[in-house]
Amino acid sequence: MRVTVEVDDAGVAHVELCRGAGNAIDLAMARGLLEAARECERARVRAVLLTGQGPSFCVGGDLSEFGALPGERLSGHLTDVTDALHGALRILTGLDAPLVTAVQGAVAGAGLGLAMAADLGFAAADAGFTAAYTGIGYSPDAGVSWLLPRLVGPKRALDLLLTNRRVTAAEALEIGLVSRVVAPERLREEAAEAARALARGATGAYGVTRRLVAGAMSTGLHEQLDAEAGRLAEAAVSAEGREGVAAFLAKRRPDFGQGAPL
C-alpha cells in the first residue's frame, strides 16, 4: 500500500504517502494517489491533509523504475504515471474541501508540485525544496511549471527550475512556497489542527474562494469583479450563508455542519 486514506469523524481525509525510500513516485504510487483523491471526492470530505511517511515528504519520481525501462517503453510509462498523478491533482485542487499539506525533509520534483498545490502548506524547519527536473534532463510535471511562477514570480521560478538550487524552509516561507514553518516535532500536530479547524468551516464557500483565487491570475479585473458578484449572491442564499449571518447576529458560533462529511 503506497498511499493510505482515512476519513475521520470531523470529515478530514488523512492521505499519506507511505512507500518509504523518500516516497518516490512510481506508477503504483501515482495510481494510489489517484484512488485516494477519488475517495476524498466520493466521501465529500470537508478538508484533506496530505502527509508523507518517513524522513522525507516526497523526492519526486522513481528514477530507478524509469531508468530500468527501455526507451520504447519509457515514454508511454511516464505518460501513465503523469496521467494518474495529474488526475489526482485535478481532483484535490477541484474539491470544495481545502487541501493542507505537511512536508518534511526532501521535497523535490513532483513532491514540490504536491506541496505547492496546498491551500495551507506547513513545512518542518528542516525541510528542503528542490525542483530537480532539469538536473536529470527532464522537464516539470505535477503542475510545477504552472504553480511555481504564480507563487514566486516567473524570474525566481526560472532560477529554481534551471539551477535546481536547494531552498530552505525559511526561504520557502519568505518567497511564498509554503504558508507556515514549524518545529519538526510539531509538524503533524499543527497541520492536523489546521485541517480540523477548516473542516468546521463553510466548505462550500471555501470551494468558491479556491476557484476565484485560482482564476484570478488569468482573469481581468472586470471579469473577476463579475465573478465575485455572482458567487457572492449565490453564497448569500445558501444554507451556509444563511447560517453564517444568523450566527453572527445571534453572537454565537456558526454550525456549518462540522463533524460529518457534506
Protein backbone atom coordinates (compact mmCIF):
# COMPACT_ATOMS: atom_id res chain seq x y z
CA MET A 1 0.00 0.00 0.00
CA ARG A 2 1.81 3.12 -1.23
CA VAL A 3 -0.90 5.65 -0.33
CA THR A 4 -3.38 5.42 2.52
CA VAL A 5 -6.54 7.45 3.10
CA GLU A 6 -8.72 7.62 6.19
CA VAL A 7 -11.64 9.96 6.79
CA ASP A 8 -12.10 10.88 10.45
CA ASP A 9 -15.24 11.86 12.33
CA ALA A 10 -14.65 15.55 11.58
CA GLY A 11 -14.69 14.92 7.83
CA VAL A 12 -10.93 15.33 7.42
CA ALA A 13 -9.35 12.96 4.90
CA HIS A 14 -5.88 11.93 6.08
CA VAL A 15 -3.95 10.99 2.92
CA GLU A 16 -0.43 9.68 3.44
CA LEU A 17 2.37 8.75 1.06
CA CYS A 18 3.86 5.67 2.68
CA ARG A 19 6.10 3.94 0.19
CA GLY A 20 9.38 4.56 2.02
CA ALA A 21 12.65 5.36 0.20
CA GLY A 22 11.72 9.04 0.09
CA ASN A 23 8.21 8.23 -1.12
CA ALA A 24 9.47 8.26 -4.70
CA ILE A 25 6.54 8.17 -7.12
CA ASP A 26 6.31 5.06 -9.27
CA LEU A 27 3.28 4.07 -11.33
CA ALA A 28 1.66 2.17 -8.46
CA MET A 29 2.05 5.14 -6.14
CA ALA A 30 0.65 7.59 -8.68
CA ARG A 31 -2.37 5.34 -9.13
CA GLY A 32 -2.70 5.02 -5.36
CA LEU A 33 -2.79 8.78 -5.00
CA LEU A 34 -5.43 9.00 -7.72
CA GLU A 35 -7.60 6.44 -5.94
CA ALA A 36 -7.14 8.32 -2.64
CA ALA A 37 -8.25 11.54 -4.34
CA ARG A 38 -11.28 9.76 -5.75
CA GLU A 39 -12.14 8.52 -2.26
CA CYS A 40 -11.97 12.10 -0.97
CA GLU A 41 -14.35 13.10 -3.76
CA ARG A 42 -16.74 10.20 -3.08
CA ALA A 43 -16.77 10.87 0.66
CA ARG A 44 -17.37 14.61 0.13
CA VAL A 45 -14.82 15.40 2.81
CA ARG A 46 -14.53 18.78 4.50
CA ALA A 47 -10.72 19.04 4.40
CA VAL A 48 -7.79 17.00 3.10
CA LEU A 49 -4.49 16.58 4.98
CA LEU A 50 -1.66 15.26 2.78
CA THR A 51 1.47 13.95 4.51
CA GLY A 52 4.45 11.76 3.71
CA GLN A 53 5.70 8.98 5.97
CA GLY A 54 9.37 8.82 6.91
CA PRO A 55 12.19 11.35 6.93
CA SER A 56 11.21 12.95 3.59
CA PHE A 57 7.84 14.01 2.23
CA CYS A 58 8.47 13.09 -1.43
CA VAL A 59 11.64 13.13 -3.52
CA GLY A 60 9.78 13.10 -6.85
CA GLY A 61 9.63 10.37 -9.47
CA ASP A 62 11.15 6.93 -9.01
CA LEU A 63 14.23 7.21 -11.21
CA SER A 64 15.15 3.58 -10.56
CA GLU A 65 11.88 2.50 -12.15
CA PHE A 66 12.25 4.93 -15.02
CA GLY A 67 15.89 4.05 -15.65
CA ALA A 68 15.18 0.33 -15.85
CA LEU A 69 12.80 0.73 -18.78
CA PRO A 70 13.94 0.61 -22.40
CA GLY A 71 13.39 3.74 -24.43
CA GLU A 72 10.49 2.32 -26.40
CA ARG A 73 8.56 1.74 -23.17
CA LEU A 74 9.65 4.72 -21.08
CA SER A 75 7.62 7.40 -22.85
CA GLY A 76 4.34 5.50 -22.51
CA HIS A 77 5.16 4.58 -18.92
CA LEU A 78 5.78 8.21 -17.96
CA THR A 79 2.52 9.17 -19.63
CA ASP A 80 0.73 6.61 -17.46
CA VAL A 81 2.43 7.98 -14.33
CA THR A 82 1.61 11.60 -15.11
CA ASP A 83 -1.96 10.75 -16.15
CA ALA A 84 -2.59 9.25 -12.70
CA LEU A 85 -0.66 11.89 -10.77
CA HIS A 86 -2.25 14.78 -12.65
CA GLY A 87 -5.67 13.20 -12.27
CA ALA A 88 -5.15 13.17 -8.51
CA LEU A 89 -4.11 16.82 -8.53
CA ARG A 90 -7.12 17.80 -10.65
CA ILE A 91 -9.44 16.21 -8.11
CA LEU A 92 -7.70 17.50 -4.98
CA THR A 93 -7.50 21.07 -6.28
CA GLY A 94 -11.08 20.96 -7.58
CA LEU A 95 -12.76 19.93 -4.35
CA ASP A 96 -14.58 22.39 -2.16
CA ALA A 97 -12.59 20.94 0.73
CA PRO A 98 -9.31 22.82 1.35
CA LEU A 99 -6.02 20.94 0.92
CA VAL A 100 -3.49 21.10 3.76
CA THR A 101 0.00 19.66 3.34
CA ALA A 102 2.67 18.88 5.91
CA VAL A 103 6.14 18.37 4.44
CA GLN A 104 9.49 17.45 5.91
CA GLY A 105 12.94 16.51 4.73
CA ALA A 106 13.44 16.39 0.98
CA VAL A 107 10.69 17.89 -1.20
CA ALA A 108 11.68 17.54 -4.84
CA GLY A 109 10.27 17.20 -8.33
CA ALA A 110 6.66 16.08 -8.25
CA GLY A 111 6.83 16.29 -4.45
CA LEU A 112 7.31 20.03 -4.88
CA GLY A 113 4.18 20.12 -7.04
CA LEU A 114 2.16 18.29 -4.39
CA ALA A 115 3.41 20.67 -1.70
CA MET A 116 2.64 23.79 -3.73
CA ALA A 117 -0.88 22.62 -4.57
CA ALA A 118 -1.88 23.15 -0.94
CA ASP A 119 -4.18 25.92 0.18
CA LEU A 120 -2.37 25.85 3.51
CA GLY A 121 1.14 24.41 3.39
CA PHE A 122 3.09 23.53 6.52
CA ALA A 123 6.83 22.79 6.38
CA ALA A 124 9.12 21.47 9.06
CA ALA A 125 12.03 23.80 9.75
CA ASP A 126 14.43 21.19 8.37
CA ALA A 127 12.63 20.76 5.04
CA GLY A 128 14.44 21.50 1.79
CA PHE A 129 12.84 22.18 -1.60
CA THR A 130 14.41 21.41 -4.99
CA ALA A 131 12.91 21.45 -8.49
CA ALA A 132 15.40 18.78 -9.66
CA TYR A 133 13.92 18.19 -13.12
CA THR A 134 16.48 19.80 -15.41
CA GLY A 135 19.32 18.31 -13.40
CA ILE A 136 18.44 14.92 -14.91
CA GLY A 137 17.41 16.29 -18.29
CA TYR A 138 13.67 16.22 -17.55
CA SER A 139 11.06 18.97 -17.71
CA PRO A 140 8.49 19.68 -14.96
CA ASP A 141 5.27 17.82 -14.21
CA ALA A 142 2.81 17.79 -11.29
CA GLY A 143 1.78 21.37 -12.07
CA VAL A 144 5.20 22.75 -11.11
CA SER A 145 5.53 24.93 -14.23
CA TRP A 146 2.09 26.44 -13.52
CA LEU A 147 2.21 26.74 -9.73
CA LEU A 148 5.78 27.92 -9.20
CA PRO A 149 5.66 31.16 -11.25
CA ARG A 150 2.31 32.03 -9.71
CA LEU A 151 3.71 31.65 -6.20
CA VAL A 152 7.18 33.16 -6.59
CA GLY A 153 7.09 35.03 -9.92
CA PRO A 154 8.45 33.93 -13.32
CA LYS A 155 12.05 35.11 -12.82
CA ARG A 156 12.50 33.36 -9.49
CA ALA A 157 10.68 30.30 -10.85
CA LEU A 158 13.16 30.04 -13.70
CA ASP A 159 16.05 30.46 -11.26
CA LEU A 160 14.79 27.50 -9.24
CA LEU A 161 13.91 25.38 -12.27
CA LEU A 162 17.16 25.96 -14.18
CA THR A 163 19.67 25.89 -11.31
CA ASN A 164 17.91 23.32 -9.10
CA ARG A 165 19.31 25.04 -6.03
CA ARG A 166 18.01 23.90 -2.66
CA VAL A 167 15.53 26.23 -0.96
CA THR A 168 15.43 26.07 2.83
CA ALA A 169 12.16 26.12 4.74
CA ALA A 170 12.88 29.69 5.87
CA GLU A 171 13.35 30.87 2.27
CA ALA A 172 10.33 28.84 1.14
CA LEU A 173 8.21 30.78 3.63
CA GLU A 174 9.73 34.10 2.56
CA ILE A 175 9.06 33.59 -1.16
CA GLY A 176 5.63 32.01 -0.75
CA LEU A 177 6.20 28.31 -1.39
CA VAL A 178 4.68 27.43 1.99
CA SER A 179 2.32 29.10 4.42
CA ARG A 180 3.95 28.26 7.76
CA VAL A 181 7.19 26.79 9.08
CA VAL A 182 7.05 24.87 12.34
CA ALA A 183 9.36 22.78 14.51
CA PRO A 184 9.73 19.26 13.09
CA GLU A 185 8.21 17.66 16.16
CA ARG A 186 5.13 19.89 15.83
CA LEU A 187 4.57 19.47 12.08
CA ARG A 188 1.89 16.76 12.08
CA GLU A 189 0.03 18.16 15.08
CA GLU A 190 -0.19 21.74 13.80
CA ALA A 191 -1.17 20.69 10.29
CA ALA A 192 -3.86 18.36 11.66
CA GLU A 193 -5.19 21.12 13.91
CA ALA A 194 -5.47 23.43 10.89
CA ALA A 195 -7.26 20.76 8.86
CA ARG A 196 -9.75 20.16 11.69
CA ALA A 197 -10.39 23.89 12.02
CA LEU A 198 -11.06 24.15 8.28
CA ALA A 199 -13.40 21.15 8.48
CA ARG A 200 -15.55 23.14 10.89
CA GLY A 201 -15.88 25.96 8.38
CA ALA A 202 -18.06 26.79 5.40
CA THR A 203 -16.90 24.17 2.90
CA GLY A 204 -18.98 25.49 0.02
CA ALA A 205 -17.60 29.00 0.50
CA TYR A 206 -14.10 27.55 0.64
CA GLY A 207 -14.62 25.90 -2.73
CA VAL A 208 -15.85 29.09 -4.37
CA THR A 209 -12.94 31.02 -2.85
CA ARG A 210 -10.42 28.43 -4.10
CA ARG A 211 -11.76 28.74 -7.63
CA LEU A 212 -11.87 32.53 -7.57
CA VAL A 213 -8.25 32.74 -6.45
CA ALA A 214 -7.12 30.12 -8.96
CA GLY A 215 -8.79 32.00 -11.80
CA ALA A 216 -7.61 35.44 -10.75
CA MET A 217 -4.18 35.13 -12.38
CA SER A 218 -5.70 34.69 -15.83
CA THR A 219 -8.80 36.87 -15.49
CA GLY A 220 -9.11 40.61 -16.00
CA LEU A 221 -10.31 42.79 -13.13
CA HIS A 222 -13.72 43.46 -14.67
CA GLU A 223 -14.37 39.75 -15.25
CA GLN A 224 -13.17 38.94 -11.74
CA LEU A 225 -15.50 41.54 -10.24
CA ASP A 226 -18.41 39.99 -12.15
CA ALA A 227 -17.44 36.53 -10.94
CA GLU A 228 -17.19 37.72 -7.34
CA ALA A 229 -20.57 39.41 -7.51
CA GLY A 230 -22.27 36.34 -8.95
CA ARG A 231 -20.70 33.89 -6.50
CA LEU A 232 -21.45 36.17 -3.53
CA ALA A 233 -25.12 36.41 -4.48
CA GLU A 234 -25.28 32.61 -4.62
CA ALA A 235 -23.44 32.21 -1.31
CA ALA A 236 -25.74 34.63 0.48
CA VAL A 237 -28.81 32.48 -0.13
CA SER A 238 -27.06 29.15 0.51
CA ALA A 239 -27.58 27.23 3.74
CA GLU A 240 -24.05 28.17 4.78
CA GLY A 241 -24.58 31.84 4.06
CA ARG A 242 -27.85 31.98 5.95
CA GLU A 243 -26.37 30.12 8.93
CA GLY A 244 -23.28 32.32 8.99
CA VAL A 245 -25.25 35.56 9.12
CA ALA A 246 -27.76 34.18 11.65
CA ALA A 247 -24.91 33.08 13.92
CA PHE A 248 -23.20 36.46 13.63
CA LEU A 249 -26.39 38.31 14.54
CA ALA A 250 -27.07 35.95 17.42
CA LYS A 251 -23.45 36.26 18.61
CA ARG A 252 -22.87 32.52 18.51
CA ARG A 253 -20.53 30.21 16.66
CA PRO A 254 -21.92 29.16 13.27
CA ASP A 255 -22.74 25.50 12.69
CA PHE A 256 -21.70 24.70 9.14
CA GLY A 257 -22.32 21.00 9.60
CA GLN A 258 -18.92 20.16 11.09
CA GLY A 259 -18.40 16.72 12.48
CA ALA A 260 -19.53 14.87 9.33
CA PRO A 261 -18.84 15.00 5.61
CA LEU A 262 -21.24 17.02 3.47
